[in-house]
Amino acid sequence: MKIAVQEAPFDFGAEATAFAQGRHDMGAVVTFTGVVRDVDGGLDAMEIEHYPGMTQRALEQIATEAMQRWSLGDVLVIHRYGRLEKGEQIMMVATAAPHRKDAFEAAEFLMDYLKSRAPFWKKEHLRDGAGWVAAKDEDEAALDRW
């Protein structure tokens, strides 16, 4: 299991390749990458804040829970913080499992958690000002599946 909370960009291809390499006992590797998107053409950048020790522990706990709930061989979570420009990668989740159903479900579980419960605070810098991103009902509802 690898959990990284970092300011620096990551190389998705290199991370995915390293995660999947040598997995002869795993039949499925699922990867997902979240990217800063410009909604309505007004976003200049997104700023992500966190409390380092608390965030690391929270991500380790949820990854451990995913490993226990599904038949996983491994989990990778990378989440960035700091100022991110449009199109930059925010986060990456990868899961490896003997069967695809476990890999997909665990990846979705992790992504839903990261979107709504992980201890990150996001501020959108818009052309007409800046503001903190509020929790969305649909993100909270997604957790009800789990």
N, C-alpha and C. Protein backbone atom coordinates (compact mmCIF):
# COMPACT_ATOMS: atom_id res chain seq x y z
N MET A 1 0.85 -1.17 0.00
CA MET A 1 0.00 0.00 0.00
C MET A 1 0.89 1.24 0.00
N LYS A 2 0.56 2.17 -0.89
CA LYS A 2 1.31 3.43 -0.94
C LYS A 2 0.30 4.57 -0.86
N ILE A 3 0.52 5.46 0.10
CA ILE A 3 -0.30 6.65 0.26
C ILE A 3 0.66 7.84 0.22
N ALA A 4 0.42 8.77 -0.69
CA ALA A 4 1.28 9.95 -0.80
C ALA A 4 0.41 11.21 -0.85
N VAL A 5 0.72 12.14 0.03
CA VAL A 5 0.10 13.46 0.02
C VAL A 5 1.24 14.41 -0.29
N GLN A 6 1.17 15.04 -1.44
CA GLN A 6 2.34 15.78 -1.92
C GLN A 6 1.94 17.03 -2.69
N GLU A 7 2.84 17.99 -2.71
CA GLU A 7 2.62 19.21 -3.47
C GLU A 7 3.07 19.02 -4.92
N ALA A 8 4.08 18.23 -5.13
CA ALA A 8 4.67 18.06 -6.46
C ALA A 8 3.76 17.27 -7.40
N PRO A 9 3.81 17.58 -8.69
CA PRO A 9 3.08 16.78 -9.68
C PRO A 9 3.59 15.34 -9.68
N PHE A 10 2.77 14.44 -10.19
CA PHE A 10 3.19 13.05 -10.32
C PHE A 10 3.02 12.62 -11.77
N ASP A 11 3.77 11.61 -12.15
CA ASP A 11 3.72 11.07 -13.51
C ASP A 11 2.76 9.88 -13.49
N PHE A 12 1.54 10.10 -14.00
CA PHE A 12 0.51 9.06 -13.95
C PHE A 12 1.00 7.78 -14.63
N GLY A 13 1.59 7.88 -15.80
CA GLY A 13 2.06 6.70 -16.52
C GLY A 13 3.09 5.91 -15.74
N ALA A 14 4.04 6.61 -15.16
CA ALA A 14 5.09 5.94 -14.38
C ALA A 14 4.49 5.30 -13.12
N GLU A 15 3.59 6.01 -12.46
CA GLU A 15 2.96 5.46 -11.25
C GLU A 15 2.13 4.23 -11.58
N ALA A 16 1.33 4.30 -12.65
CA ALA A 16 0.48 3.17 -13.04
C ALA A 16 1.32 1.97 -13.45
N THR A 17 2.38 2.22 -14.19
CA THR A 17 3.26 1.13 -14.62
C THR A 17 3.93 0.47 -13.42
N ALA A 18 4.46 1.27 -12.52
CA ALA A 18 5.14 0.73 -11.34
C ALA A 18 4.15 -0.06 -10.48
N PHE A 19 2.91 0.44 -10.36
CA PHE A 19 1.90 -0.23 -9.54
C PHE A 19 1.53 -1.58 -10.13
N ALA A 20 1.39 -1.65 -11.45
CA ALA A 20 0.92 -2.87 -12.11
C ALA A 20 2.03 -3.89 -12.37
N GLN A 21 3.26 -3.43 -12.39
CA GLN A 21 4.38 -4.30 -12.76
C GLN A 21 4.54 -5.48 -11.80
N GLY A 22 4.69 -6.67 -12.39
CA GLY A 22 4.96 -7.87 -11.63
C GLY A 22 3.77 -8.44 -10.89
N ARG A 23 2.59 -8.03 -11.22
CA ARG A 23 1.37 -8.49 -10.53
C ARG A 23 0.83 -9.74 -11.22
N HIS A 24 1.55 -10.82 -11.11
CA HIS A 24 1.15 -12.06 -11.77
C HIS A 24 -0.01 -12.76 -11.08
N ASP A 25 -0.29 -12.38 -9.83
CA ASP A 25 -1.39 -12.98 -9.10
C ASP A 25 -2.66 -12.11 -9.12
N MET A 26 -2.58 -10.97 -9.77
CA MET A 26 -3.72 -10.06 -9.84
C MET A 26 -4.27 -10.05 -11.27
N GLY A 27 -5.57 -10.23 -11.42
CA GLY A 27 -6.19 -10.23 -12.74
C GLY A 27 -6.73 -8.88 -13.17
N ALA A 28 -6.72 -7.90 -12.23
CA ALA A 28 -7.29 -6.59 -12.55
C ALA A 28 -6.50 -5.49 -11.86
N VAL A 29 -6.22 -4.45 -12.60
CA VAL A 29 -5.65 -3.22 -12.05
C VAL A 29 -6.52 -2.09 -12.57
N VAL A 30 -7.10 -1.33 -11.65
CA VAL A 30 -7.95 -0.20 -12.00
C VAL A 30 -7.25 1.07 -11.57
N THR A 31 -7.23 2.08 -12.45
CA THR A 31 -6.64 3.37 -12.12
C THR A 31 -7.62 4.48 -12.43
N PHE A 32 -7.51 5.55 -11.67
CA PHE A 32 -8.32 6.74 -11.89
C PHE A 32 -7.48 7.95 -11.54
N THR A 33 -7.63 9.00 -12.32
CA THR A 33 -6.94 10.26 -12.04
C THR A 33 -7.94 11.40 -12.09
N GLY A 34 -7.96 12.20 -11.04
CA GLY A 34 -8.78 13.41 -11.01
C GLY A 34 -7.97 14.59 -11.49
N VAL A 35 -8.62 15.45 -12.27
CA VAL A 35 -7.96 16.59 -12.91
C VAL A 35 -8.74 17.87 -12.58
N VAL A 36 -8.04 18.97 -12.40
CA VAL A 36 -8.69 20.26 -12.17
C VAL A 36 -9.45 20.63 -13.44
N ARG A 37 -10.76 20.80 -13.30
CA ARG A 37 -11.55 21.15 -14.47
C ARG A 37 -12.09 22.57 -14.33
N ASP A 38 -12.25 23.20 -15.46
CA ASP A 38 -12.76 24.56 -15.52
C ASP A 38 -14.25 24.50 -15.78
N VAL A 39 -15.04 24.78 -14.77
CA VAL A 39 -16.48 24.78 -14.92
C VAL A 39 -16.92 26.18 -15.35
N ASP A 40 -17.65 26.25 -16.42
CA ASP A 40 -18.20 27.52 -16.94
C ASP A 40 -17.14 28.51 -17.40
N GLY A 41 -15.92 28.09 -17.58
CA GLY A 41 -14.89 28.96 -18.14
C GLY A 41 -14.39 30.04 -17.22
N GLY A 42 -14.69 29.98 -15.92
CA GLY A 42 -14.28 31.05 -15.03
C GLY A 42 -13.20 30.70 -14.03
N LEU A 43 -12.70 29.48 -14.06
CA LEU A 43 -11.70 29.05 -13.08
C LEU A 43 -10.30 29.43 -13.52
N ASP A 44 -9.56 30.06 -12.62
CA ASP A 44 -8.15 30.32 -12.88
C ASP A 44 -7.28 29.22 -12.28
N ALA A 45 -7.60 28.82 -11.05
CA ALA A 45 -6.82 27.78 -10.36
C ALA A 45 -7.62 27.27 -9.16
N MET A 46 -7.14 26.15 -8.59
CA MET A 46 -7.71 25.61 -7.37
C MET A 46 -6.58 25.49 -6.35
N GLU A 47 -6.90 25.83 -5.13
CA GLU A 47 -5.94 25.72 -4.04
C GLU A 47 -6.46 24.67 -3.05
N ILE A 48 -5.61 23.70 -2.72
CA ILE A 48 -6.00 22.62 -1.82
C ILE A 48 -5.14 22.70 -0.57
N GLU A 49 -5.81 22.71 0.60
CA GLU A 49 -5.12 22.75 1.88
C GLU A 49 -5.41 21.48 2.65
N HIS A 50 -4.54 21.18 3.62
CA HIS A 50 -4.73 19.99 4.46
C HIS A 50 -3.87 20.12 5.71
N TYR A 51 -4.12 19.24 6.68
CA TYR A 51 -3.26 19.11 7.86
C TYR A 51 -2.43 17.86 7.64
N PRO A 52 -1.12 17.99 7.43
CA PRO A 52 -0.29 16.86 7.00
C PRO A 52 -0.45 15.55 7.76
N GLY A 53 -0.24 15.52 9.05
CA GLY A 53 -0.33 14.25 9.77
C GLY A 53 -1.73 13.68 9.76
N MET A 54 -2.71 14.52 9.97
CA MET A 54 -4.10 14.08 10.00
C MET A 54 -4.53 13.52 8.64
N THR A 55 -4.18 14.19 7.58
CA THR A 55 -4.58 13.75 6.25
C THR A 55 -3.94 12.41 5.90
N GLN A 56 -2.66 12.27 6.16
CA GLN A 56 -1.96 11.02 5.87
C GLN A 56 -2.62 9.86 6.60
N ARG A 57 -2.88 10.04 7.89
CA ARG A 57 -3.51 8.98 8.68
C ARG A 57 -4.90 8.64 8.17
N ALA A 58 -5.68 9.65 7.81
CA ALA A 58 -7.03 9.41 7.31
C ALA A 58 -7.00 8.61 6.01
N LEU A 59 -6.08 8.93 5.12
CA LEU A 59 -5.99 8.21 3.85
C LEU A 59 -5.49 6.78 4.07
N GLU A 60 -4.56 6.61 4.99
CA GLU A 60 -4.09 5.25 5.32
C GLU A 60 -5.23 4.41 5.89
N GLN A 61 -6.05 5.01 6.74
CA GLN A 61 -7.18 4.27 7.33
C GLN A 61 -8.19 3.85 6.28
N ILE A 62 -8.54 4.73 5.36
CA ILE A 62 -9.54 4.38 4.35
C ILE A 62 -8.97 3.36 3.37
N ALA A 63 -7.69 3.44 3.05
CA ALA A 63 -7.07 2.44 2.17
C ALA A 63 -7.04 1.08 2.86
N THR A 64 -6.74 1.07 4.15
CA THR A 64 -6.77 -0.18 4.91
C THR A 64 -8.17 -0.77 4.93
N GLU A 65 -9.16 0.08 5.11
CA GLU A 65 -10.55 -0.39 5.08
C GLU A 65 -10.89 -1.01 3.73
N ALA A 66 -10.46 -0.38 2.65
CA ALA A 66 -10.71 -0.93 1.31
C ALA A 66 -10.03 -2.29 1.16
N MET A 67 -8.81 -2.42 1.66
CA MET A 67 -8.10 -3.70 1.58
C MET A 67 -8.85 -4.80 2.34
N GLN A 68 -9.50 -4.43 3.44
CA GLN A 68 -10.23 -5.40 4.25
C GLN A 68 -11.59 -5.75 3.65
N ARG A 69 -12.24 -4.78 3.02
CA ARG A 69 -13.59 -5.00 2.49
C ARG A 69 -13.61 -5.75 1.17
N TRP A 70 -12.56 -5.56 0.35
CA TRP A 70 -12.49 -6.22 -0.94
C TRP A 70 -11.22 -7.07 -0.99
N SER A 71 -11.22 -8.02 -1.88
CA SER A 71 -10.07 -8.89 -2.04
C SER A 71 -9.03 -8.17 -2.90
N LEU A 72 -8.23 -7.34 -2.24
CA LEU A 72 -7.24 -6.53 -2.96
C LEU A 72 -5.83 -7.02 -2.68
N GLY A 73 -5.01 -6.91 -3.69
CA GLY A 73 -3.59 -7.19 -3.52
C GLY A 73 -2.81 -5.95 -3.14
N ASP A 74 -3.33 -4.76 -3.56
CA ASP A 74 -2.61 -3.53 -3.26
C ASP A 74 -3.49 -2.33 -3.56
N VAL A 75 -3.10 -1.19 -2.96
CA VAL A 75 -3.79 0.08 -3.15
C VAL A 75 -2.74 1.17 -3.27
N LEU A 76 -3.02 2.13 -4.14
CA LEU A 76 -2.19 3.33 -4.29
C LEU A 76 -3.12 4.54 -4.24
N VAL A 77 -2.78 5.52 -3.42
CA VAL A 77 -3.50 6.79 -3.39
C VAL A 77 -2.46 7.90 -3.39
N ILE A 78 -2.56 8.80 -4.36
CA ILE A 78 -1.73 10.00 -4.40
C ILE A 78 -2.70 11.18 -4.43
N HIS A 79 -2.49 12.14 -3.55
CA HIS A 79 -3.34 13.34 -3.56
C HIS A 79 -2.43 14.56 -3.39
N ARG A 80 -2.64 15.53 -4.24
CA ARG A 80 -1.81 16.74 -4.21
C ARG A 80 -2.47 17.83 -3.38
N TYR A 81 -1.66 18.78 -2.98
CA TYR A 81 -2.14 19.98 -2.31
C TYR A 81 -1.37 21.17 -2.87
N GLY A 82 -1.81 22.37 -2.49
CA GLY A 82 -1.19 23.58 -3.00
C GLY A 82 -2.02 24.16 -4.13
N ARG A 83 -1.43 25.06 -4.87
CA ARG A 83 -2.12 25.72 -5.99
C ARG A 83 -1.99 24.84 -7.24
N LEU A 84 -3.12 24.51 -7.83
CA LEU A 84 -3.16 23.66 -9.03
C LEU A 84 -3.88 24.41 -10.14
N GLU A 85 -3.29 24.39 -11.30
CA GLU A 85 -3.87 25.08 -12.46
C GLU A 85 -4.85 24.16 -13.19
N LYS A 86 -5.66 24.76 -14.04
CA LYS A 86 -6.60 23.98 -14.86
C LYS A 86 -5.84 22.89 -15.62
N GLY A 87 -6.41 21.69 -15.63
CA GLY A 87 -5.81 20.59 -16.36
C GLY A 87 -4.77 19.80 -15.58
N GLU A 88 -4.34 20.31 -14.43
CA GLU A 88 -3.36 19.57 -13.63
C GLU A 88 -4.03 18.41 -12.90
N GLN A 89 -3.26 17.37 -12.67
CA GLN A 89 -3.75 16.22 -11.93
C GLN A 89 -3.82 16.55 -10.44
N ILE A 90 -4.97 16.22 -9.84
CA ILE A 90 -5.16 16.43 -8.41
C ILE A 90 -4.81 15.16 -7.65
N MET A 91 -5.31 14.04 -8.13
CA MET A 91 -5.16 12.79 -7.37
C MET A 91 -5.16 11.59 -8.29
N MET A 92 -4.73 10.46 -7.71
CA MET A 92 -4.72 9.19 -8.42
C MET A 92 -5.06 8.09 -7.43
N VAL A 93 -5.90 7.16 -7.88
CA VAL A 93 -6.22 5.96 -7.12
C VAL A 93 -5.92 4.77 -8.02
N ALA A 94 -5.31 3.75 -7.46
CA ALA A 94 -5.11 2.49 -8.18
C ALA A 94 -5.40 1.34 -7.22
N THR A 95 -6.07 0.34 -7.75
CA THR A 95 -6.34 -0.87 -6.97
C THR A 95 -5.96 -2.08 -7.81
N ALA A 96 -5.47 -3.11 -7.14
CA ALA A 96 -5.14 -4.38 -7.79
C ALA A 96 -5.87 -5.49 -7.05
N ALA A 97 -6.52 -6.36 -7.82
CA ALA A 97 -7.29 -7.46 -7.23
C ALA A 97 -7.25 -8.66 -8.16
N PRO A 98 -7.52 -9.84 -7.62
CA PRO A 98 -7.59 -11.01 -8.48
C PRO A 98 -8.70 -10.90 -9.53
N HIS A 99 -9.79 -10.19 -9.18
CA HIS A 99 -10.94 -10.08 -10.08
C HIS A 99 -11.35 -8.62 -10.23
N ARG A 100 -11.85 -8.26 -11.41
CA ARG A 100 -12.14 -6.87 -11.73
C ARG A 100 -13.21 -6.24 -10.84
N LYS A 101 -14.21 -7.00 -10.43
CA LYS A 101 -15.29 -6.42 -9.61
C LYS A 101 -14.73 -5.81 -8.34
N ASP A 102 -13.86 -6.53 -7.64
CA ASP A 102 -13.26 -5.99 -6.42
C ASP A 102 -12.41 -4.77 -6.72
N ALA A 103 -11.64 -4.81 -7.79
CA ALA A 103 -10.76 -3.68 -8.13
C ALA A 103 -11.59 -2.43 -8.45
N PHE A 104 -12.66 -2.59 -9.25
CA PHE A 104 -13.50 -1.44 -9.59
C PHE A 104 -14.24 -0.89 -8.37
N GLU A 105 -14.86 -1.78 -7.59
CA GLU A 105 -15.64 -1.32 -6.43
C GLU A 105 -14.75 -0.62 -5.41
N ALA A 106 -13.60 -1.19 -5.13
CA ALA A 106 -12.69 -0.57 -4.16
C ALA A 106 -12.20 0.78 -4.66
N ALA A 107 -11.91 0.89 -5.95
CA ALA A 107 -11.47 2.17 -6.51
C ALA A 107 -12.59 3.22 -6.38
N GLU A 108 -13.82 2.83 -6.68
CA GLU A 108 -14.94 3.77 -6.54
C GLU A 108 -15.14 4.18 -5.09
N PHE A 109 -15.04 3.24 -4.19
CA PHE A 109 -15.14 3.53 -2.76
C PHE A 109 -14.10 4.56 -2.35
N LEU A 110 -12.86 4.35 -2.75
CA LEU A 110 -11.79 5.29 -2.41
C LEU A 110 -12.03 6.66 -3.03
N MET A 111 -12.47 6.70 -4.28
CA MET A 111 -12.72 7.97 -4.94
C MET A 111 -13.86 8.73 -4.27
N ASP A 112 -14.93 8.02 -3.90
CA ASP A 112 -16.04 8.66 -3.21
C ASP A 112 -15.59 9.24 -1.87
N TYR A 113 -14.77 8.50 -1.16
CA TYR A 113 -14.25 8.99 0.11
C TYR A 113 -13.39 10.24 -0.10
N LEU A 114 -12.48 10.19 -1.07
CA LEU A 114 -11.60 11.32 -1.33
C LEU A 114 -12.39 12.57 -1.71
N LYS A 115 -13.47 12.38 -2.45
CA LYS A 115 -14.27 13.51 -2.91
C LYS A 115 -15.04 14.18 -1.77
N SER A 116 -15.51 13.39 -0.81
CA SER A 116 -16.43 13.97 0.17
C SER A 116 -15.96 13.96 1.62
N ARG A 117 -15.06 13.07 2.00
CA ARG A 117 -14.72 12.96 3.41
C ARG A 117 -13.24 13.15 3.74
N ALA A 118 -12.38 13.01 2.78
CA ALA A 118 -10.95 13.18 3.07
C ALA A 118 -10.71 14.61 3.56
N PRO A 119 -9.82 14.78 4.53
CA PRO A 119 -9.60 16.11 5.10
C PRO A 119 -8.75 17.03 4.23
N PHE A 120 -9.38 17.44 3.13
CA PHE A 120 -8.80 18.45 2.24
C PHE A 120 -9.81 19.59 2.13
N TRP A 121 -9.30 20.80 2.00
CA TRP A 121 -10.16 21.97 1.81
C TRP A 121 -9.76 22.61 0.50
N LYS A 122 -10.77 22.87 -0.34
CA LYS A 122 -10.51 23.36 -1.70
C LYS A 122 -11.08 24.76 -1.87
N LYS A 123 -10.24 25.62 -2.42
CA LYS A 123 -10.65 26.98 -2.73
C LYS A 123 -10.51 27.19 -4.23
N GLU A 124 -11.59 27.65 -4.84
CA GLU A 124 -11.54 27.97 -6.27
C GLU A 124 -11.17 29.44 -6.44
N HIS A 125 -10.19 29.67 -7.29
CA HIS A 125 -9.81 31.03 -7.66
C HIS A 125 -10.45 31.30 -9.01
N LEU A 126 -11.48 32.14 -8.97
CA LEU A 126 -12.25 32.46 -10.17
C LEU A 126 -11.87 33.85 -10.66
N ARG A 127 -12.25 34.16 -11.89
CA ARG A 127 -11.94 35.47 -12.45
C ARG A 127 -12.55 36.60 -11.63
N ASP A 128 -13.68 36.31 -11.00
CA ASP A 128 -14.38 37.37 -10.25
C ASP A 128 -14.23 37.21 -8.73
N GLY A 129 -13.22 36.46 -8.28
CA GLY A 129 -12.99 36.29 -6.85
C GLY A 129 -12.66 34.85 -6.50
N ALA A 130 -12.54 34.60 -5.21
CA ALA A 130 -12.19 33.26 -4.74
C ALA A 130 -13.17 32.82 -3.67
N GLY A 131 -13.36 31.51 -3.55
CA GLY A 131 -14.25 30.99 -2.52
C GLY A 131 -13.99 29.53 -2.26
N TRP A 132 -14.32 29.11 -1.04
CA TRP A 132 -14.16 27.71 -0.65
C TRP A 132 -15.24 26.88 -1.31
N VAL A 133 -14.89 25.66 -1.69
CA VAL A 133 -15.83 24.75 -2.34
C VAL A 133 -16.65 24.07 -1.26
N ALA A 134 -17.96 24.18 -1.38
CA ALA A 134 -18.87 23.55 -0.41
C ALA A 134 -19.11 22.10 -0.79
N ALA A 135 -19.44 21.30 0.22
CA ALA A 135 -19.80 19.90 -0.02
C ALA A 135 -21.05 19.85 -0.89
N LYS A 136 -21.11 18.87 -1.77
CA LYS A 136 -22.25 18.70 -2.66
C LYS A 136 -23.08 17.51 -2.21
N ASP A 137 -24.40 17.66 -2.30
CA ASP A 137 -25.30 16.59 -1.88
C ASP A 137 -25.03 15.29 -2.64
N GLU A 138 -24.75 15.39 -3.95
CA GLU A 138 -24.53 14.17 -4.73
C GLU A 138 -23.25 13.44 -4.33
N ASP A 139 -22.25 14.19 -3.87
CA ASP A 139 -21.01 13.54 -3.40
C ASP A 139 -21.27 12.81 -2.08
N GLU A 140 -22.04 13.44 -1.20
CA GLU A 140 -22.39 12.80 0.05
C GLU A 140 -23.25 11.56 -0.20
N ALA A 141 -24.20 11.68 -1.13
CA ALA A 141 -25.09 10.55 -1.45
C ALA A 141 -24.32 9.37 -2.02
N ALA A 142 -23.24 9.64 -2.73
CA ALA A 142 -22.44 8.56 -3.31
C ALA A 142 -21.88 7.64 -2.22
N LEU A 143 -21.63 8.19 -1.04
CA LEU A 143 -21.10 7.38 0.06
C LEU A 143 -22.13 6.40 0.60
N ASP A 144 -23.41 6.69 0.37
CA ASP A 144 -24.47 5.79 0.87
C ASP A 144 -24.38 4.40 0.29
N ARG A 145 -23.76 4.26 -0.87
CA ARG A 145 -23.60 2.93 -1.48
C ARG A 145 -22.73 2.02 -0.64
N TRP A 146 -21.85 2.61 0.14
CA TRP A 146 -20.85 1.83 0.86
C TRP A 146 -21.24 1.64 2.30
